[in-house]
Amino acid sequence: MLRVAFAGTPEFAVPTLQALADSHHTLVGVLTQPDRPAGRGRELKRSPVKDLGLRLGLSVSQPAALRDDAQRAELASWQADVLVVAAYGLILPVAALTLPRLGCVNVHASLLPRWRGAAPVQRAILAGDVATGVTIMQMAAGLDTGPILAQSAFDLTGRETSQALLERLSQTGARLLIETLDRLEAGTVTPKEQSSDGVTYAGKLAKQEGQVDWQRSAVEISRQVRAFNPWPIAQTLFQGQQLRLWQAVPASRGGQAGEPGQVLGMDAEQLLVRCGEGSLGVERLQLAGKRAMSAREFASGRALSGMHFG
């Protein structure tokens, strides 16, 4: 039985914390980011990890950083054998990495060394990766450079949004983490150094990346729509208004007629829009100030053929 501390913040980290609580290991405390202002009222909002930690009756600490002894004091007091990290969002200095007896173990949503960094799921979709998975890694001072303890891979269908893929990866990561901790406890884990080949970096998302360039191919734009759901959401303009694209795929029909951004009309349940290469079949979209709706609802009562997005 290991004494385990946990560090995480968003919904992605919740299944791992719950799996630890359900395991035979002993949870000794939770680190999560400080409450942040959210919503129109800018009221302080607790992280999903804090909510679960409090429901589980655990000690929850929210230091703004872990740079000095005072900020690390509560983590040190827990005397953990290992610190499990899942999307914590704060940098762990070497002094924090070496506090637990067995160091720190990270649940990372990619098949390292591919997509080190902050947004591996979104970058994998944008790049058109055909497979992804989870890596359990021994944390080191570099950016996701530590030895690999375990990995689990699966194929992608090409229809996943970031939200759906994050949910699947969070469940996969939780199961793999418990298996890895059990092996760590038994002394049967063999760390494997990451290859220097195939290293890619998943930079943090910027809101402006959601802006659609209709000169790009339908395949690229459809990846953008899926990658940026639920944030920052792919968007364009329609009659001077912001238009969000929630769901879209490369269209099997639509031909080569028209210019990029031109609306070609409806095909079954898709609104066809000409791209730099091919056409995009928009299935769900949302005008500023309105609810998200199907393409069929959006097209109802509008003469769209020949109009332009962007």
Protein backbone atom coordinates (compact mmCIF):
# COMPACT_ATOMS: atom_id res chain seq x y z
CA MET A 1 0.00 0.00 0.00
CA LEU A 2 1.42 3.37 -1.07
CA ARG A 3 0.79 6.75 0.49
CA VAL A 4 -0.31 8.81 -2.52
CA ALA A 5 -0.68 12.56 -2.90
CA PHE A 6 -2.52 13.88 -5.95
CA ALA A 7 -2.13 17.05 -8.02
CA GLY A 8 -4.70 17.97 -10.67
CA THR A 9 -7.19 20.66 -11.61
CA PRO A 10 -9.65 20.16 -14.54
CA GLU A 11 -12.27 17.52 -15.31
CA PHE A 12 -9.63 15.39 -17.07
CA ALA A 13 -8.00 14.70 -13.69
CA VAL A 14 -11.18 13.65 -11.87
CA PRO A 15 -11.32 9.97 -12.99
CA THR A 16 -7.73 9.45 -11.82
CA LEU A 17 -8.47 10.94 -8.40
CA GLN A 18 -11.60 8.78 -8.09
CA ALA A 19 -9.66 5.67 -9.16
CA LEU A 20 -7.07 6.38 -6.47
CA ALA A 21 -9.82 6.78 -3.89
CA ASP A 22 -11.29 3.41 -4.95
CA SER A 23 -7.90 1.64 -4.89
CA HIS A 24 -6.14 -0.02 -1.96
CA HIS A 25 -3.62 2.81 -1.85
CA THR A 26 -3.97 5.59 0.74
CA LEU A 27 -4.74 9.10 -0.48
CA VAL A 28 -3.03 11.56 1.85
CA GLY A 29 -3.90 14.90 0.23
CA VAL A 30 -4.78 16.84 -2.91
CA LEU A 31 -3.08 19.77 -4.62
CA THR A 32 -5.14 21.85 -7.05
CA GLN A 33 -4.95 25.35 -8.47
CA PRO A 34 -6.47 28.28 -6.54
CA ASP A 35 -10.14 29.12 -7.13
CA ARG A 36 -10.53 31.33 -10.21
CA PRO A 37 -13.12 33.99 -11.19
CA ALA A 38 -15.57 32.57 -13.74
CA GLY A 39 -18.81 33.49 -15.50
CA ARG A 40 -20.36 36.89 -16.02
CA GLY A 41 -20.39 37.60 -12.30
CA ARG A 42 -16.68 36.69 -12.01
CA GLU A 43 -17.41 34.72 -8.87
CA LEU A 44 -14.69 32.41 -7.59
CA LYS A 45 -15.13 28.88 -8.88
CA ARG A 46 -13.63 25.72 -7.41
CA SER A 47 -11.83 23.28 -9.70
CA PRO A 48 -13.46 19.90 -10.44
CA VAL A 49 -10.60 18.24 -8.53
CA LYS A 50 -11.22 20.40 -5.46
CA ASP A 51 -14.92 19.51 -5.55
CA LEU A 52 -14.16 15.79 -5.58
CA GLY A 53 -11.36 16.09 -3.02
CA LEU A 54 -13.69 17.79 -0.55
CA ARG A 55 -16.45 15.24 -1.18
CA LEU A 56 -13.93 12.50 -0.42
CA GLY A 57 -13.01 14.23 2.84
CA LEU A 58 -9.42 14.80 1.79
CA SER A 59 -7.04 17.59 2.76
CA VAL A 60 -7.00 20.02 -0.19
CA SER A 61 -4.17 22.51 -0.66
CA GLN A 62 -4.19 25.31 -3.24
CA PRO A 63 -0.78 27.02 -3.36
CA ALA A 64 -0.32 29.59 -6.13
CA ALA A 65 3.08 28.00 -6.86
CA LEU A 66 5.50 25.47 -5.35
CA ARG A 67 8.67 27.51 -5.60
CA ASP A 68 9.62 27.80 -1.92
CA ASP A 69 9.50 25.73 1.27
CA ALA A 70 6.44 27.55 2.59
CA GLN A 71 4.43 26.76 -0.56
CA ARG A 72 5.55 23.12 -0.39
CA ALA A 73 5.00 22.75 3.36
CA GLU A 74 1.65 20.95 3.17
CA LEU A 75 2.87 18.56 0.47
CA ALA A 76 5.91 17.78 2.63
CA SER A 77 3.72 17.20 5.70
CA TRP A 78 1.76 14.48 3.90
CA GLN A 79 4.89 12.30 3.69
CA ALA A 80 3.71 10.71 0.47
CA ASP A 81 5.46 7.80 -1.16
CA VAL A 82 4.49 9.17 -4.56
CA LEU A 83 2.80 12.25 -6.02
CA VAL A 84 0.45 11.52 -8.92
CA VAL A 85 0.04 14.47 -11.31
CA ALA A 86 -2.76 14.78 -13.90
CA ALA A 87 -3.25 18.13 -15.67
CA TYR A 88 -2.25 20.10 -12.57
CA GLY A 89 -1.34 23.22 -14.57
CA LEU A 90 1.50 24.42 -12.31
CA ILE A 91 5.22 23.80 -12.80
CA LEU A 92 6.77 21.45 -10.26
CA PRO A 93 10.34 22.51 -9.42
CA VAL A 94 12.99 19.89 -8.67
CA ALA A 95 12.52 20.46 -4.93
CA ALA A 96 8.88 19.36 -5.27
CA LEU A 97 9.65 16.46 -7.63
CA THR A 98 12.03 14.94 -5.09
CA LEU A 99 9.84 15.34 -1.99
CA PRO A 100 7.97 12.00 -2.28
CA ARG A 101 10.02 8.86 -1.65
CA LEU A 102 9.29 7.49 -5.15
CA GLY A 103 9.12 10.86 -6.87
CA CYS A 104 6.27 12.12 -9.04
CA VAL A 105 4.29 10.21 -11.68
CA ASN A 106 2.41 12.01 -14.46
CA VAL A 107 -0.69 10.94 -16.41
CA HIS A 108 -0.10 12.47 -19.86
CA ALA A 109 -2.66 12.39 -22.70
CA SER A 110 -0.37 11.39 -25.57
CA LEU A 111 2.03 8.68 -26.66
CA LEU A 112 5.26 10.36 -25.62
CA PRO A 113 7.57 11.58 -27.04
CA ARG A 114 4.84 12.75 -29.43
CA TRP A 115 3.04 15.84 -28.18
CA ARG A 116 4.95 16.96 -25.13
CA GLY A 117 3.36 20.03 -23.61
CA ALA A 118 0.08 21.69 -22.74
CA ALA A 119 -2.42 20.68 -25.44
CA PRO A 120 -1.59 17.17 -26.71
CA VAL A 121 -5.17 16.14 -27.50
CA GLN A 122 -5.98 19.19 -29.60
CA ARG A 123 -2.65 19.06 -31.45
CA ALA A 124 -3.10 15.37 -32.23
CA ILE A 125 -6.49 16.06 -33.84
CA LEU A 126 -5.19 19.08 -35.76
CA ALA A 127 -2.31 17.03 -37.13
CA GLY A 128 -4.60 14.22 -38.26
CA ASP A 129 -2.98 11.59 -36.04
CA VAL A 130 -4.45 8.13 -36.64
CA ALA A 131 -3.71 6.87 -33.12
CA THR A 132 -3.17 8.29 -29.65
CA GLY A 133 -3.15 7.11 -26.06
CA VAL A 134 -1.90 7.74 -22.54
CA THR A 135 1.59 7.70 -21.07
CA ILE A 136 2.39 7.22 -17.40
CA MET A 137 5.72 8.98 -16.94
CA GLN A 138 8.21 9.48 -14.13
CA MET A 139 8.47 13.24 -13.92
CA ALA A 140 11.80 15.00 -14.46
CA ALA A 141 12.91 18.63 -14.68
CA GLY A 142 12.33 18.93 -18.47
CA LEU A 143 9.01 19.37 -20.28
CA ASP A 144 7.47 15.86 -20.34
CA THR A 145 10.94 14.34 -20.84
CA GLY A 146 10.94 11.77 -18.02
CA PRO A 147 11.17 7.99 -18.39
CA ILE A 148 8.06 6.11 -19.53
CA LEU A 149 6.55 3.71 -17.00
CA ALA A 150 3.56 2.53 -19.07
CA GLN A 151 1.57 3.36 -22.21
CA SER A 152 -1.82 2.47 -23.64
CA ALA A 153 -2.65 3.22 -27.29
CA PHE A 154 -5.77 3.12 -29.45
CA ASP A 155 -6.77 4.10 -33.00
CA LEU A 156 -8.74 7.24 -33.82
CA THR A 157 -11.83 7.28 -36.03
CA GLY A 158 -11.32 10.79 -37.41
CA ARG A 159 -14.63 11.95 -35.90
CA GLU A 160 -13.54 12.64 -32.30
CA THR A 161 -13.82 16.10 -30.79
CA SER A 162 -11.29 17.17 -28.19
CA GLN A 163 -13.97 16.93 -25.52
CA ALA A 164 -14.88 13.35 -26.40
CA LEU A 165 -11.26 12.29 -26.74
CA LEU A 166 -10.27 13.89 -23.43
CA GLU A 167 -13.07 11.96 -21.71
CA ARG A 168 -11.86 8.67 -23.19
CA LEU A 169 -8.22 9.40 -22.37
CA SER A 170 -9.08 10.38 -18.80
CA GLN A 171 -10.70 6.98 -18.19
CA THR A 172 -7.85 5.12 -19.90
CA GLY A 173 -5.30 7.09 -17.91
CA ALA A 174 -7.02 6.39 -14.60
CA ARG A 175 -6.97 2.62 -15.18
CA LEU A 176 -3.38 2.63 -16.39
CA LEU A 177 -2.24 4.74 -13.45
CA ILE A 178 -3.59 2.27 -10.88
CA GLU A 179 -1.97 -0.65 -12.72
CA THR A 180 1.33 1.27 -12.75
CA LEU A 181 1.17 2.15 -9.05
CA ASP A 182 0.52 -1.50 -8.19
CA ARG A 183 3.59 -2.48 -10.20
CA LEU A 184 5.60 0.34 -8.64
CA GLU A 185 4.64 -0.95 -5.22
CA ALA A 186 5.67 -4.48 -6.22
CA GLY A 187 8.96 -3.25 -7.70
CA THR A 188 8.19 -4.63 -11.17
CA VAL A 189 8.21 -1.35 -13.13
CA THR A 190 11.08 -0.87 -15.59
CA PRO A 191 11.39 2.79 -16.64
CA LYS A 192 12.14 3.32 -20.33
CA GLU A 193 13.93 6.43 -21.51
CA GLN A 194 12.06 8.39 -24.19
CA SER A 195 13.38 8.25 -27.72
CA SER A 196 14.91 11.40 -29.15
CA ASP A 197 13.16 10.57 -32.45
CA GLY A 198 9.60 11.69 -33.12
CA VAL A 199 9.54 14.46 -30.51
CA THR A 200 6.77 17.02 -31.11
CA TYR A 201 5.49 19.85 -28.94
CA ALA A 202 1.87 20.68 -28.20
CA GLY A 203 1.84 24.42 -27.61
CA LYS A 204 -0.81 26.06 -25.48
CA LEU A 205 -4.00 26.95 -27.38
CA ALA A 206 -4.65 30.55 -28.38
CA LYS A 207 -8.17 31.86 -28.97
CA GLN A 208 -7.28 33.26 -32.40
CA GLU A 209 -6.46 29.75 -33.63
CA GLY A 210 -10.20 29.13 -33.85
CA GLN A 211 -10.62 31.56 -36.77
CA VAL A 212 -11.39 29.58 -39.94
CA ASP A 213 -9.43 30.32 -43.11
CA TRP A 214 -11.63 29.07 -45.94
CA GLN A 215 -8.61 28.94 -48.27
CA ARG A 216 -7.54 25.82 -46.38
CA SER A 217 -8.76 22.34 -47.29
CA ALA A 218 -12.00 20.85 -46.00
CA VAL A 219 -9.98 18.15 -44.22
CA GLU A 220 -7.91 20.74 -42.35
CA ILE A 221 -10.94 22.85 -41.38
CA SER A 222 -12.87 19.80 -40.16
CA ARG A 223 -9.90 18.93 -37.91
CA GLN A 224 -9.93 22.50 -36.62
CA VAL A 225 -13.64 22.22 -35.78
CA ARG A 226 -13.11 18.97 -33.87
CA ALA A 227 -9.88 20.05 -32.15
CA PHE A 228 -11.33 23.30 -30.82
CA ASN A 229 -14.54 21.81 -29.42
CA PRO A 230 -15.16 22.78 -26.60
CA TRP A 231 -12.59 25.64 -26.67
CA PRO A 232 -11.87 28.03 -28.32
CA ILE A 233 -14.46 26.83 -30.91
CA ALA A 234 -13.84 27.21 -34.64
CA GLN A 235 -15.50 30.39 -35.84
CA THR A 236 -16.14 32.49 -38.93
CA LEU A 237 -18.35 35.42 -39.91
CA PHE A 238 -21.79 35.37 -41.45
CA GLN A 239 -23.35 38.69 -42.49
CA GLY A 240 -21.03 40.46 -40.06
CA GLN A 241 -21.92 38.24 -37.11
CA GLN A 242 -19.73 35.71 -35.34
CA LEU A 243 -20.66 32.16 -36.33
CA ARG A 244 -19.36 29.20 -34.33
CA LEU A 245 -18.89 25.82 -35.98
CA TRP A 246 -19.52 22.98 -33.52
CA GLN A 247 -19.61 20.00 -35.86
CA ALA A 248 -18.43 19.57 -39.46
CA VAL A 249 -16.89 16.93 -41.72
CA PRO A 250 -15.39 16.91 -45.22
CA ALA A 251 -18.35 16.61 -47.58
CA SER A 252 -18.61 13.69 -49.95
CA ARG A 253 -20.47 15.94 -52.38
CA GLY A 254 -20.25 19.58 -53.34
CA GLY A 255 -17.95 19.49 -56.34
CA GLN A 256 -15.37 22.12 -57.10
CA ALA A 257 -17.69 24.99 -58.02
CA GLY A 258 -17.62 28.28 -56.17
CA GLU A 259 -14.93 30.14 -54.24
CA PRO A 260 -13.60 29.53 -50.71
CA GLY A 261 -16.21 30.42 -48.09
CA GLN A 262 -19.12 30.29 -50.53
CA VAL A 263 -22.24 28.50 -49.29
CA LEU A 264 -23.28 25.86 -51.81
CA GLY A 265 -26.57 24.91 -50.16
CA MET A 266 -27.90 21.94 -48.19
CA ASP A 267 -27.11 18.29 -48.86
CA ALA A 268 -29.26 16.08 -46.60
CA GLU A 269 -28.39 17.37 -43.08
CA GLN A 270 -25.21 19.20 -44.06
CA LEU A 271 -24.70 22.82 -45.07
CA LEU A 272 -22.03 22.71 -47.77
CA VAL A 273 -19.34 25.39 -47.80
CA ARG A 274 -16.62 25.58 -50.45
CA CYS A 275 -13.05 25.38 -49.17
CA GLY A 276 -9.67 25.88 -50.79
CA GLU A 277 -9.80 22.15 -51.50
CA GLY A 278 -13.08 20.25 -51.34
CA SER A 279 -16.19 21.29 -49.42
CA LEU A 280 -17.07 21.24 -45.75
CA GLY A 281 -20.31 19.68 -44.54
CA VAL A 282 -21.33 21.80 -41.54
CA GLU A 283 -23.71 19.87 -39.27
CA ARG A 284 -24.04 22.05 -36.15
CA LEU A 285 -23.42 25.78 -35.75
CA GLN A 286 -24.28 28.81 -33.62
CA LEU A 287 -24.78 32.50 -34.34
CA ALA A 288 -23.62 34.97 -31.69
CA GLY A 289 -26.26 35.35 -29.00
CA LYS A 290 -28.23 32.35 -30.24
CA ARG A 291 -28.33 28.68 -29.22
CA ALA A 292 -26.41 26.04 -31.14
CA MET A 293 -28.57 24.43 -33.82
CA SER A 294 -28.48 21.87 -36.60
CA ALA A 295 -27.58 22.96 -40.13
CA ARG A 296 -31.16 22.19 -41.17
CA GLU A 297 -32.55 24.55 -38.50
CA PHE A 298 -30.04 27.24 -39.46
CA ALA A 299 -30.96 27.01 -43.15
CA SER A 300 -34.71 27.15 -42.50
CA GLY A 301 -36.10 30.44 -43.79
CA ARG A 302 -32.73 31.61 -45.13
CA ALA A 303 -31.72 31.84 -48.78
CA LEU A 304 -28.13 30.74 -48.24
CA SER A 305 -26.91 29.53 -51.64
CA GLY A 306 -24.29 31.88 -53.01
CA MET A 307 -23.74 33.64 -49.69
CA HIS A 308 -20.33 33.60 -48.00
CA PHE A 309 -18.83 32.68 -44.67
CA GLY A 310 -15.80 34.62 -43.50
